[in-house]
Protein backbone atom coordinates (compact mmCIF):
# COMPACT_ATOMS: atom_id res chain seq x y z
CA MET A 1 16.03 14.23 -33.63
CA ALA A 2 13.15 14.50 -31.17
CA SER A 3 9.70 14.50 -32.74
CA GLY A 4 7.96 16.51 -30.02
CA LYS A 5 5.15 13.95 -29.85
CA ARG A 6 2.79 14.82 -26.98
CA GLU A 7 0.81 12.10 -25.19
CA ILE A 8 -1.23 12.02 -21.99
CA VAL A 9 -0.80 9.02 -19.69
CA PHE A 10 -3.85 8.85 -17.45
CA ASP A 11 -5.74 6.78 -14.92
CA THR A 12 -9.14 6.94 -13.26
CA GLU A 13 -10.54 5.67 -9.98
CA THR A 14 -14.22 4.78 -9.93
CA THR A 15 -16.97 3.48 -7.66
CA GLY A 16 -17.17 0.23 -9.60
CA PHE A 17 -17.17 -1.32 -13.07
CA ASP A 18 -20.48 -0.21 -14.63
CA ALA A 19 -19.58 2.94 -16.57
CA LYS A 20 -22.97 3.27 -18.26
CA GLY A 21 -24.93 2.41 -15.12
CA ALA A 22 -24.73 3.75 -11.58
CA ASP A 23 -20.95 3.84 -11.16
CA ARG A 24 -19.01 7.09 -11.44
CA VAL A 25 -15.46 8.46 -11.66
CA THR A 26 -14.00 9.50 -8.29
CA GLU A 27 -10.49 10.59 -9.34
CA ILE A 28 -8.59 11.50 -12.52
CA GLY A 29 -4.81 11.69 -12.84
CA CYS A 30 -3.00 12.74 -16.03
CA VAL A 31 0.70 12.98 -16.83
CA GLU A 32 1.94 14.85 -19.90
CA ILE A 33 4.78 13.17 -21.77
CA ILE A 34 6.66 14.46 -24.80
CA ASP A 35 8.76 11.96 -26.75
CA LEU A 36 7.90 9.44 -23.99
CA MET A 37 9.44 11.56 -21.22
CA PRO A 38 7.31 13.18 -18.44
CA THR A 39 7.39 16.99 -18.59
CA GLY A 40 6.19 17.58 -15.03
CA ASN A 41 2.93 19.04 -16.35
CA ASN A 42 0.12 17.09 -14.69
CA PHE A 43 -3.64 17.27 -14.23
CA HIS A 44 -5.29 15.82 -11.13
CA SER A 45 -8.70 16.09 -9.54
CA TYR A 46 -10.88 14.23 -7.09
CA ILE A 47 -14.52 14.01 -8.21
CA ASP A 48 -17.66 13.93 -6.10
CA PRO A 49 -19.64 10.97 -7.52
CA LEU A 50 -22.83 12.03 -5.68
CA ARG A 51 -23.24 8.46 -4.42
CA ASP A 52 -21.89 6.05 -1.85
CA ILE A 53 -18.47 4.38 -2.13
CA PRO A 54 -18.48 0.59 -1.76
CA GLU A 55 -16.35 -0.66 1.12
CA LYS A 56 -14.17 -2.79 -1.19
CA VAL A 57 -13.41 0.25 -3.34
CA THR A 58 -12.39 2.24 -0.25
CA GLU A 59 -10.03 -0.59 0.74
CA ILE A 60 -8.32 -0.33 -2.65
CA THR A 61 -8.29 3.45 -3.20
CA GLY A 62 -8.62 4.88 0.30
CA LEU A 63 -11.40 7.16 -0.98
CA THR A 64 -14.51 7.56 1.16
CA ARG A 65 -17.89 9.23 0.75
CA GLU A 66 -16.92 11.75 3.46
CA PHE A 67 -13.63 12.67 1.72
CA LEU A 68 -15.24 13.14 -1.71
CA ASP A 69 -18.26 15.05 -0.43
CA GLY A 70 -17.99 18.62 -1.71
CA LYS A 71 -15.26 17.89 -4.24
CA PRO A 72 -15.89 19.19 -7.81
CA LEU A 73 -18.46 17.42 -9.95
CA PHE A 74 -17.20 15.90 -13.18
CA LYS A 75 -19.19 18.39 -15.26
CA ASP A 76 -17.32 21.21 -13.50
CA LYS A 77 -13.91 19.73 -14.35
CA ALA A 78 -14.71 18.34 -17.81
CA GLN A 79 -13.61 21.38 -19.82
CA GLU A 80 -10.40 21.74 -17.79
CA PHE A 81 -9.65 18.06 -18.43
CA LEU A 82 -10.33 18.41 -22.17
CA ASP A 83 -8.20 21.56 -22.38
CA PHE A 84 -5.31 19.74 -20.71
CA VAL A 85 -5.61 16.73 -23.01
CA GLY A 86 -5.97 18.80 -26.17
CA ASP A 87 -5.47 16.68 -29.28
CA ALA A 88 -2.90 14.36 -27.66
CA GLN A 89 -3.11 10.58 -27.70
CA LEU A 90 -4.35 9.14 -24.38
CA VAL A 91 -2.41 6.24 -22.85
CA ALA A 92 -3.99 4.01 -20.21
CA HIS A 93 -3.59 0.52 -18.78
CA ASN A 94 -6.65 -1.48 -19.78
CA ALA A 95 -7.77 1.55 -21.77
CA GLU A 96 -11.24 0.14 -22.51
CA PHE A 97 -12.13 0.60 -18.84
CA ASP A 98 -10.89 4.19 -18.49
CA MET A 99 -12.19 5.18 -21.93
CA GLY A 100 -15.63 3.84 -21.03
CA PHE A 101 -15.84 5.88 -17.84
CA ILE A 102 -14.37 9.09 -19.28
CA ASN A 103 -16.70 9.02 -22.27
CA ALA A 104 -19.73 8.14 -20.14
CA GLU A 105 -18.99 11.08 -17.83
CA LEU A 106 -18.39 13.40 -20.80
CA ALA A 107 -21.73 12.39 -22.31
CA ARG A 108 -23.57 13.09 -19.03
CA ALA A 109 -21.88 16.51 -18.89
CA GLY A 110 -22.97 17.34 -22.45
CA PHE A 111 -19.61 16.88 -24.19
CA GLU A 112 -18.66 14.80 -27.22
CA PRO A 113 -16.90 11.50 -26.46
CA ILE A 114 -13.21 11.06 -27.25
CA ALA A 115 -12.66 8.88 -30.32
CA LYS A 116 -11.61 5.30 -29.62
CA ASP A 117 -8.56 5.53 -31.90
CA ARG A 118 -7.10 8.22 -29.64
CA PHE A 119 -6.54 5.70 -26.85
CA THR A 120 -3.40 3.58 -26.51
CA ASP A 121 -3.70 0.48 -24.31
CA THR A 122 -0.47 -0.46 -22.50
CA LEU A 123 -2.09 -3.70 -21.30
CA LYS A 124 -2.42 -4.89 -24.91
CA ILE A 125 1.15 -3.79 -25.67
CA ALA A 126 2.48 -5.69 -22.64
CA ARG A 127 0.56 -8.86 -23.46
CA ALA A 128 1.84 -8.79 -27.04
CA LYS A 129 5.41 -8.15 -25.91
CA PHE A 130 5.43 -10.65 -23.03
CA PRO A 131 2.85 -13.34 -23.92
CA GLY A 132 1.85 -15.53 -21.00
CA SER A 133 3.48 -13.25 -18.40
CA PRO A 134 1.63 -11.17 -15.78
CA ALA A 135 0.76 -7.80 -17.27
CA SER A 136 -0.71 -5.83 -14.36
CA LEU A 137 0.79 -2.43 -13.60
CA ASP A 138 2.45 -3.87 -10.49
CA ALA A 139 3.93 -6.78 -12.45
CA LEU A 140 5.30 -4.49 -15.16
CA CYS A 141 6.83 -2.14 -12.59
CA LYS A 142 8.64 -5.12 -11.06
CA ARG A 143 9.76 -6.33 -14.50
CA PHE A 144 11.27 -2.93 -15.31
CA ASN A 145 12.65 -2.31 -11.78
CA ILE A 146 10.35 0.67 -11.20
CA SER A 147 9.90 1.42 -7.51
CA LEU A 148 6.42 0.88 -6.07
CA ALA A 149 7.35 2.52 -2.76
CA LYS A 150 4.93 5.43 -3.21
CA ARG A 151 2.01 3.19 -4.17
CA GLY A 152 0.50 2.39 -0.78
CA GLN A 153 -3.01 2.41 -2.25
CA HIS A 154 -4.31 2.88 -5.75
CA GLY A 155 -4.35 6.56 -6.68
CA ALA A 156 -5.03 7.94 -10.15
CA LEU A 157 -2.08 10.35 -10.33
CA ILE A 158 0.42 7.94 -8.74
CA ASP A 159 -0.68 5.16 -11.09
CA ALA A 160 -0.43 7.50 -14.09
CA GLN A 161 3.11 8.46 -13.07
CA LEU A 162 4.10 4.79 -12.73
CA LEU A 163 2.43 3.96 -16.04
CA ALA A 164 4.39 6.74 -17.76
CA GLU A 165 7.61 4.99 -16.68
CA VAL A 166 6.28 1.61 -17.79
CA TYR A 167 5.19 3.03 -21.16
CA LEU A 168 8.70 4.36 -21.73
CA ASP A 169 10.17 0.89 -21.19
CA LEU A 170 7.47 -0.83 -23.25
CA SER A 171 8.33 1.57 -26.08
CA GLY A 172 12.00 0.66 -26.10
CA GLY A 173 13.36 2.10 -22.89
CA ARG A 174 15.78 4.93 -22.22
CA MET A 175 18.42 3.27 -24.40
CA ARG A 176 16.93 3.00 -27.89
CA LYS A 177 19.05 2.05 -30.86
CA PHE A 178 18.80 3.59 -34.30
CA GLY A 179 16.21 1.91 -36.48
CA PHE A 180 16.03 2.61 -40.18
CA SER A 181 12.84 2.92 -42.14
CA ASP A 182 12.58 4.38 -45.64
CA GLY A 183 16.17 5.51 -45.34
CA GLN A 184 15.56 7.63 -42.25
CA ALA A 185 16.84 7.07 -38.71
CA SER A 186 14.39 6.92 -35.80
CA ASP A 187 14.73 8.96 -32.63
CA LEU A 188 17.61 8.11 -30.34
CA ASP A 189 17.41 8.27 -26.57
CA ILE A 190 20.72 7.53 -24.90
CA LYS A 191 22.32 7.96 -21.54
CA LEU A 192 25.66 9.70 -21.74
CA VAL A 193 28.25 8.16 -19.45
CA PRO A 194 31.05 10.53 -18.47
CA VAL A 195 34.56 9.32 -19.25
CA ALA A 196 37.29 10.03 -16.71
CA ARG A 197 40.08 12.28 -17.97
CA ARG A 198 43.64 11.03 -18.04
CA ARG A 199 45.73 12.71 -15.36
CA GLU A 200 48.28 15.22 -16.66
CA THR A 201 50.79 13.94 -14.09
CA PRO A 202 50.48 10.20 -13.35
CA LEU A 203 50.25 9.25 -9.70
CA PRO A 204 53.49 7.79 -8.30
CA SER A 205 53.64 4.05 -7.72
CA LEU A 206 52.82 2.93 -4.20
CA LEU A 207 55.22 -0.04 -4.51
CA SER A 208 58.67 0.28 -3.00
CA ASP A 209 61.79 -0.86 -4.92
CA GLU A 210 62.12 -3.70 -2.40
CA GLU A 211 58.60 -4.90 -3.18
CA LYS A 212 59.19 -4.69 -6.94
CA ASN A 213 62.41 -6.71 -6.72
CA ALA A 214 60.74 -9.30 -4.52
CA HIS A 215 57.95 -9.68 -7.09
CA ILE A 216 60.42 -10.03 -9.97
CA ALA A 217 62.35 -12.71 -8.04
CA PHE A 218 59.12 -14.57 -7.34
CA VAL A 219 58.01 -14.53 -10.98
CA LYS A 220 61.42 -15.77 -12.15
CA LYS A 221 60.66 -19.07 -10.42
CA PHE A 222 58.16 -19.76 -13.21
CA GLY A 223 60.76 -19.40 -15.95
CA GLY A 224 60.78 -16.91 -18.77
CA GLU A 225 64.30 -15.65 -18.28
CA ASP A 226 64.86 -16.09 -22.02
CA GLY A 227 62.44 -13.19 -22.55
CA THR A 228 59.67 -15.24 -24.16
CA ALA A 229 57.25 -15.18 -21.21
CA ILE A 230 54.52 -12.54 -21.43
CA TRP A 231 55.55 -10.83 -18.18
CA GLN A 232 59.13 -10.55 -19.43
CA LYS A 233 57.87 -8.88 -22.60
CA HIS A 234 55.76 -6.50 -20.50
CA TRP A 235 58.69 -5.51 -18.31
CA ALA A 236 60.89 -4.98 -21.36
CA LYS A 237 58.22 -2.71 -22.85
CA LEU A 238 57.99 -0.68 -19.65
CA ALA A 239 61.78 -0.38 -19.53
CA ARG A 240 61.88 1.01 -23.09
CA LYS A 241 59.18 3.58 -22.26
CA SER A 242 61.08 4.81 -19.20
CA GLN A 243 64.25 5.46 -21.21
């Protein structure tokens, strides 16, 4: 049975790498998942960092000082973000980075930081599961055949949506088998494949009697007239069914 476990897969875009220094969050994207499946309930906001955007960051994210000018400040979106997250676990790729920026911004806005144990790092999960293999979000999408068509540039919401799909596969995928622990079965996610119904009236054969007799004559060249060959047994079985 489904557990109803709620998690928030999220990503941030920033002006750089120094969360406690001069760098700031420029975009937040969050995707709600329940039992690993996206619900369609998302949170997204661009943030005015009140500072310039380095050219290299613009090349990666497409975000410019002009575009972000006048967007909400983080302090004005902080409560909305926290209300959306609630008490759910937060899932991020390289979670230390996103956790550092979110908590630094929360502190500046006068809010309590989110506890470290509430963050799940998919980068660590991927490295443990596939040691020595590339573990970037792009690499994992390719490993799990997740389309990157919509990811022209890095965007927080797009990356969170892709990460939600990756997290599902890292957690066992859409086809998870029963696992038993303490005598109880774990959740089961399975794709149901429809089975074609048998026709009430079988379709007539497309072979003519002439073609059937020609085939029988051809097969006789290989022996089996004593009835021991497998095709002779098959024909005898069909003859009995037609009687």
